[in-house]
Amino acid sequence: MGDMSLRSNLSNNLFVANLQNVSLERLVKSKLEVLFEQQKESNVELSDLYTLVMEQVEKPLIELALRSYNGNQVRTAQALGINRNTLKKKMDHYKLTKRSVLQGAHSSSYSSPATTTLATSATYNVPDTNIPG
């Protein structure tokens, strides 16, 4: 069991080191490049992509910030640099409650979608890509 714990810690440390070497901007850009390439190959028009991307970044940001501050909306809003009422509206929009956020810390309820659905109702699988550091 100690060996497994050591491997888990090593894996977590490597993941954190990788995130420090690869910016979020670079990760998002890589995913979007794949999406646009698939769109081009399939000759499908994109629609409402801005909203889709913003929601996929904003929801986990709010969820993780809330979890970090144990559901405290005032402290979360301050950390995010937004008004508490704005935070509440966004929580309602994403159907995030204090209970669901805190339970998610144990059950990992949020998982990033592996597919991106476009307004044309075509679904594109967006594979994980190897991103150089």
C-alpha atoms as a PDB file:
ATOM      1  CA  MET A   1       0.000   0.000   0.000  1.00  0.00           C
ATOM      2  CA  GLY A   2       2.897   2.364   0.728  1.00  0.00           C
ATOM      3  CA  ASP A   3       4.207   1.799  -2.799  1.00  0.00           C
ATOM      4  CA  MET A   4       0.821   2.717  -4.251  1.00  0.00           C
ATOM      5  CA  SER A   5       0.694   5.887  -2.167  1.00  0.00           C
ATOM      6  CA  LEU A   6       4.184   6.821  -3.342  1.00  0.00           C
ATOM      7  CA  ARG A   7       3.168   6.303  -6.986  1.00  0.00           C
ATOM      8  CA  SER A   8       0.029   8.392  -6.453  1.00  0.00           C
ATOM      9  CA  ASN A   9       2.034  11.229  -4.897  1.00  0.00           C
ATOM     10  CA  LEU A  10       4.597  11.046  -7.696  1.00  0.00           C
ATOM     11  CA  SER A  11       1.828  11.120 -10.295  1.00  0.00           C
ATOM     12  CA  ASN A  12       0.176  14.119  -8.612  1.00  0.00           C
ATOM     13  CA  ASN A  13       3.520  15.940  -8.402  1.00  0.00           C
ATOM     14  CA  LEU A  14       4.206  15.288 -12.091  1.00  0.00           C
ATOM     15  CA  PHE A  15       0.737  16.567 -12.979  1.00  0.00           C
ATOM     16  CA  VAL A  16       1.258  19.756 -10.968  1.00  0.00           C
ATOM     17  CA  ALA A  17       4.704  20.229 -12.522  1.00  0.00           C
ATOM     18  CA  ASN A  18       3.178  19.782 -15.984  1.00  0.00           C
ATOM     19  CA  LEU A  19       0.500  22.407 -15.262  1.00  0.00           C
ATOM     20  CA  GLN A  20       3.208  24.800 -14.133  1.00  0.00           C
ATOM     21  CA  ASN A  21       5.075  24.272 -17.407  1.00  0.00           C
ATOM     22  CA  VAL A  22       2.044  24.451 -19.704  1.00  0.00           C
ATOM     23  CA  SER A  23      -0.231  27.442 -19.368  1.00  0.00           C
ATOM     24  CA  LEU A  24      -3.996  27.114 -19.319  1.00  0.00           C
ATOM     25  CA  GLU A  25      -4.018  29.310 -22.411  1.00  0.00           C
ATOM     26  CA  ARG A  26      -1.816  26.821 -24.232  1.00  0.00           C
ATOM     27  CA  LEU A  27      -3.980  23.858 -23.180  1.00  0.00           C
ATOM     28  CA  VAL A  28      -7.149  25.603 -24.363  1.00  0.00           C
ATOM     29  CA  LYS A  29      -5.499  26.683 -27.610  1.00  0.00           C
ATOM     30  CA  SER A  30      -4.439  23.110 -28.320  1.00  0.00           C
ATOM     31  CA  LYS A  31      -7.982  21.795 -27.764  1.00  0.00           C
ATOM     32  CA  LEU A  32      -9.472  24.539 -29.937  1.00  0.00           C
ATOM     33  CA  GLU A  33      -6.988  23.822 -32.740  1.00  0.00           C
ATOM     34  CA  VAL A  34      -8.236  20.222 -32.791  1.00  0.00           C
ATOM     35  CA  LEU A  35     -11.846  21.413 -32.819  1.00  0.00           C
ATOM     36  CA  PHE A  36     -11.266  23.813 -35.715  1.00  0.00           C
ATOM     37  CA  GLU A  37      -9.370  21.160 -37.672  1.00  0.00           C
ATOM     38  CA  GLN A  38     -12.243  18.696 -37.190  1.00  0.00           C
ATOM     39  CA  GLN A  39     -14.732  21.386 -38.189  1.00  0.00           C
ATOM     40  CA  LYS A  40     -12.733  22.132 -41.330  1.00  0.00           C
ATOM     41  CA  GLU A  41     -12.458  18.437 -42.262  1.00  0.00           C
ATOM     42  CA  SER A  42     -16.199  17.924 -41.721  1.00  0.00           C
ATOM     43  CA  ASN A  43     -17.184  21.157 -43.475  1.00  0.00           C
ATOM     44  CA  VAL A  44     -19.535  22.108 -40.615  1.00  0.00           C
ATOM     45  CA  GLU A  45     -20.297  25.674 -39.563  1.00  0.00           C
ATOM     46  CA  LEU A  46     -19.564  26.545 -35.930  1.00  0.00           C
ATOM     47  CA  SER A  47     -22.130  28.481 -33.943  1.00  0.00           C
ATOM     48  CA  ASP A  48     -22.094  29.944 -30.424  1.00  0.00           C
ATOM     49  CA  LEU A  49     -18.569  28.654 -29.857  1.00  0.00           C
ATOM     50  CA  TYR A  50     -17.666  31.586 -27.610  1.00  0.00           C
ATOM     51  CA  THR A  51     -20.456  30.772 -25.147  1.00  0.00           C
ATOM     52  CA  LEU A  52     -19.603  27.072 -25.201  1.00  0.00           C
ATOM     53  CA  VAL A  53     -15.922  27.674 -24.410  1.00  0.00           C
ATOM     54  CA  MET A  54     -16.634  30.270 -21.721  1.00  0.00           C
ATOM     55  CA  GLU A  55     -19.085  27.958 -19.957  1.00  0.00           C
ATOM     56  CA  GLN A  56     -16.646  25.041 -20.026  1.00  0.00           C
ATOM     57  CA  VAL A  57     -14.014  27.199 -18.323  1.00  0.00           C
ATOM     58  CA  GLU A  58     -16.277  29.204 -16.017  1.00  0.00           C
ATOM     59  CA  LYS A  59     -18.242  26.337 -14.458  1.00  0.00           C
ATOM     60  CA  PRO A  60     -15.240  24.386 -13.102  1.00  0.00           C
ATOM     61  CA  LEU A  61     -13.584  27.668 -12.043  1.00  0.00           C
ATOM     62  CA  ILE A  62     -16.604  28.625  -9.938  1.00  0.00           C
ATOM     63  CA  GLU A  63     -17.083  25.091  -8.636  1.00  0.00           C
ATOM     64  CA  LEU A  64     -13.474  24.692  -7.541  1.00  0.00           C
ATOM     65  CA  ALA A  65     -13.318  28.182  -6.043  1.00  0.00           C
ATOM     66  CA  LEU A  66     -16.475  27.491  -4.026  1.00  0.00           C
ATOM     67  CA  ARG A  67     -15.023  24.191  -2.868  1.00  0.00           C
ATOM     68  CA  SER A  68     -11.772  25.919  -1.914  1.00  0.00           C
ATOM     69  CA  TYR A  69     -13.695  28.360   0.292  1.00  0.00           C
ATOM     70  CA  ASN A  70     -15.989  25.661   1.708  1.00  0.00           C
ATOM     71  CA  GLY A  71     -19.036  27.086  -0.064  1.00  0.00           C
ATOM     72  CA  ASN A  72     -18.570  30.605   1.329  1.00  0.00           C
ATOM     73  CA  GLN A  73     -19.969  32.804  -1.439  1.00  0.00           C
ATOM     74  CA  VAL A  74     -18.589  36.097  -0.130  1.00  0.00           C
ATOM     75  CA  ARG A  75     -15.005  34.795   0.037  1.00  0.00           C
ATOM     76  CA  THR A  76     -15.371  32.977  -3.289  1.00  0.00           C
ATOM     77  CA  ALA A  77     -16.678  36.107  -5.021  1.00  0.00           C
ATOM     78  CA  GLN A  78     -13.804  38.136  -3.575  1.00  0.00           C
ATOM     79  CA  ALA A  79     -11.255  35.571  -4.783  1.00  0.00           C
ATOM     80  CA  LEU A  80     -12.811  35.569  -8.270  1.00  0.00           C
ATOM     81  CA  GLY A  81     -13.029  39.362  -8.353  1.00  0.00           C
ATOM     82  CA  ILE A  82     -16.772  39.411  -8.978  1.00  0.00           C
ATOM     83  CA  ASN A  83     -19.792  40.629  -7.031  1.00  0.00           C
ATOM     84  CA  ARG A  84     -21.475  38.066  -4.773  1.00  0.00           C
ATOM     85  CA  ASN A  85     -24.766  38.598  -6.623  1.00  0.00           C
ATOM     86  CA  THR A  86     -23.004  37.820  -9.900  1.00  0.00           C
ATOM     87  CA  LEU A  87     -21.586  34.663  -8.346  1.00  0.00           C
ATOM     88  CA  LYS A  88     -25.060  33.640  -7.176  1.00  0.00           C
ATOM     89  CA  LYS A  89     -26.490  34.180 -10.683  1.00  0.00           C
ATOM     90  CA  LYS A  90     -23.712  32.060 -12.180  1.00  0.00           C
ATOM     91  CA  MET A  91     -24.256  29.344  -9.567  1.00  0.00           C
ATOM     92  CA  ASP A  92     -27.946  29.289 -10.495  1.00  0.00           C
ATOM     93  CA  HIS A  93     -27.090  29.187 -14.202  1.00  0.00           C
ATOM     94  CA  TYR A  94     -24.786  26.169 -13.728  1.00  0.00           C
ATOM     95  CA  LYS A  95     -27.087  24.614 -11.100  1.00  0.00           C
ATOM     96  CA  LEU A  96     -24.321  24.694  -8.481  1.00  0.00           C
ATOM     97  CA  THR A  97     -25.324  24.496  -4.830  1.00  0.00           C
ATOM     98  CA  LYS A  98     -23.127  24.529  -1.772  1.00  0.00           C
ATOM     99  CA  ARG A  99     -24.146  20.926  -1.139  1.00  0.00           C
ATOM    100  CA  SER A 100     -23.393  19.719  -4.682  1.00  0.00           C
ATOM    101  CA  VAL A 101     -20.055  21.535  -4.736  1.00  0.00           C
ATOM    102  CA  LEU A 102     -18.927  20.145  -1.387  1.00  0.00           C
ATOM    103  CA  GLN A 103     -20.146  16.632  -2.238  1.00  0.00           C
ATOM    104  CA  GLY A 104     -18.251  16.929  -5.497  1.00  0.00           C
ATOM    105  CA  ALA A 105     -15.030  17.155  -3.521  1.00  0.00           C
ATOM    106  CA  HIS A 106     -15.533  13.516  -2.556  1.00  0.00           C
ATOM    107  CA  SER A 107     -17.356  12.088  -5.544  1.00  0.00           C
ATOM    108  CA  SER A 108     -15.682  14.152  -8.267  1.00  0.00           C
ATOM    109  CA  SER A 109     -19.088  15.065  -9.722  1.00  0.00           C
ATOM    110  CA  TYR A 110     -17.628  17.436 -12.308  1.00  0.00           C
ATOM    111  CA  SER A 111     -15.892  15.897 -15.229  1.00  0.00           C
ATOM    112  CA  SER A 112     -14.863  17.844 -18.251  1.00  0.00           C
ATOM    113  CA  PRO A 113     -16.878  16.780 -21.282  1.00  0.00           C
ATOM    114  CA  ALA A 114     -14.945  14.573 -23.692  1.00  0.00           C
ATOM    115  CA  THR A 115     -17.105  15.778 -26.547  1.00  0.00           C
ATOM    116  CA  THR A 116     -18.082  19.153 -27.836  1.00  0.00           C
ATOM    117  CA  THR A 117     -21.547  19.465 -29.331  1.00  0.00           C
ATOM    118  CA  LEU A 118     -21.923  22.128 -31.957  1.00  0.00           C
ATOM    119  CA  ALA A 119     -25.113  23.982 -32.824  1.00  0.00           C
ATOM    120  CA  THR A 120     -25.369  21.916 -36.005  1.00  0.00           C
ATOM    121  CA  SER A 121     -26.004  18.944 -33.699  1.00  0.00           C
ATOM    122  CA  ALA A 122     -22.838  17.287 -34.934  1.00  0.00           C
ATOM    123  CA  THR A 123     -20.710  15.929 -32.109  1.00  0.00           C
ATOM    124  CA  TYR A 124     -16.964  16.033 -32.306  1.00  0.00           C
ATOM    125  CA  ASN A 125     -14.721  13.964 -30.097  1.00  0.00           C
ATOM    126  CA  VAL A 126     -11.901  16.202 -28.956  1.00  0.00           C
ATOM    127  CA  PRO A 127      -9.037  13.865 -28.032  1.00  0.00           C
ATOM    128  CA  ASP A 128      -6.451  14.732 -25.454  1.00  0.00           C
ATOM    129  CA  THR A 129      -3.402  15.945 -27.280  1.00  0.00           C
ATOM    130  CA  ASN A 130       0.180  15.778 -26.184  1.00  0.00           C
ATOM    131  CA  ILE A 131       1.249  19.309 -25.501  1.00  0.00           C
ATOM    132  CA  PRO A 132       4.954  20.003 -25.317  1.00  0.00           C
ATOM    133  CA  GLY A 133       6.103  21.840 -22.234  1.00  0.00           C
END
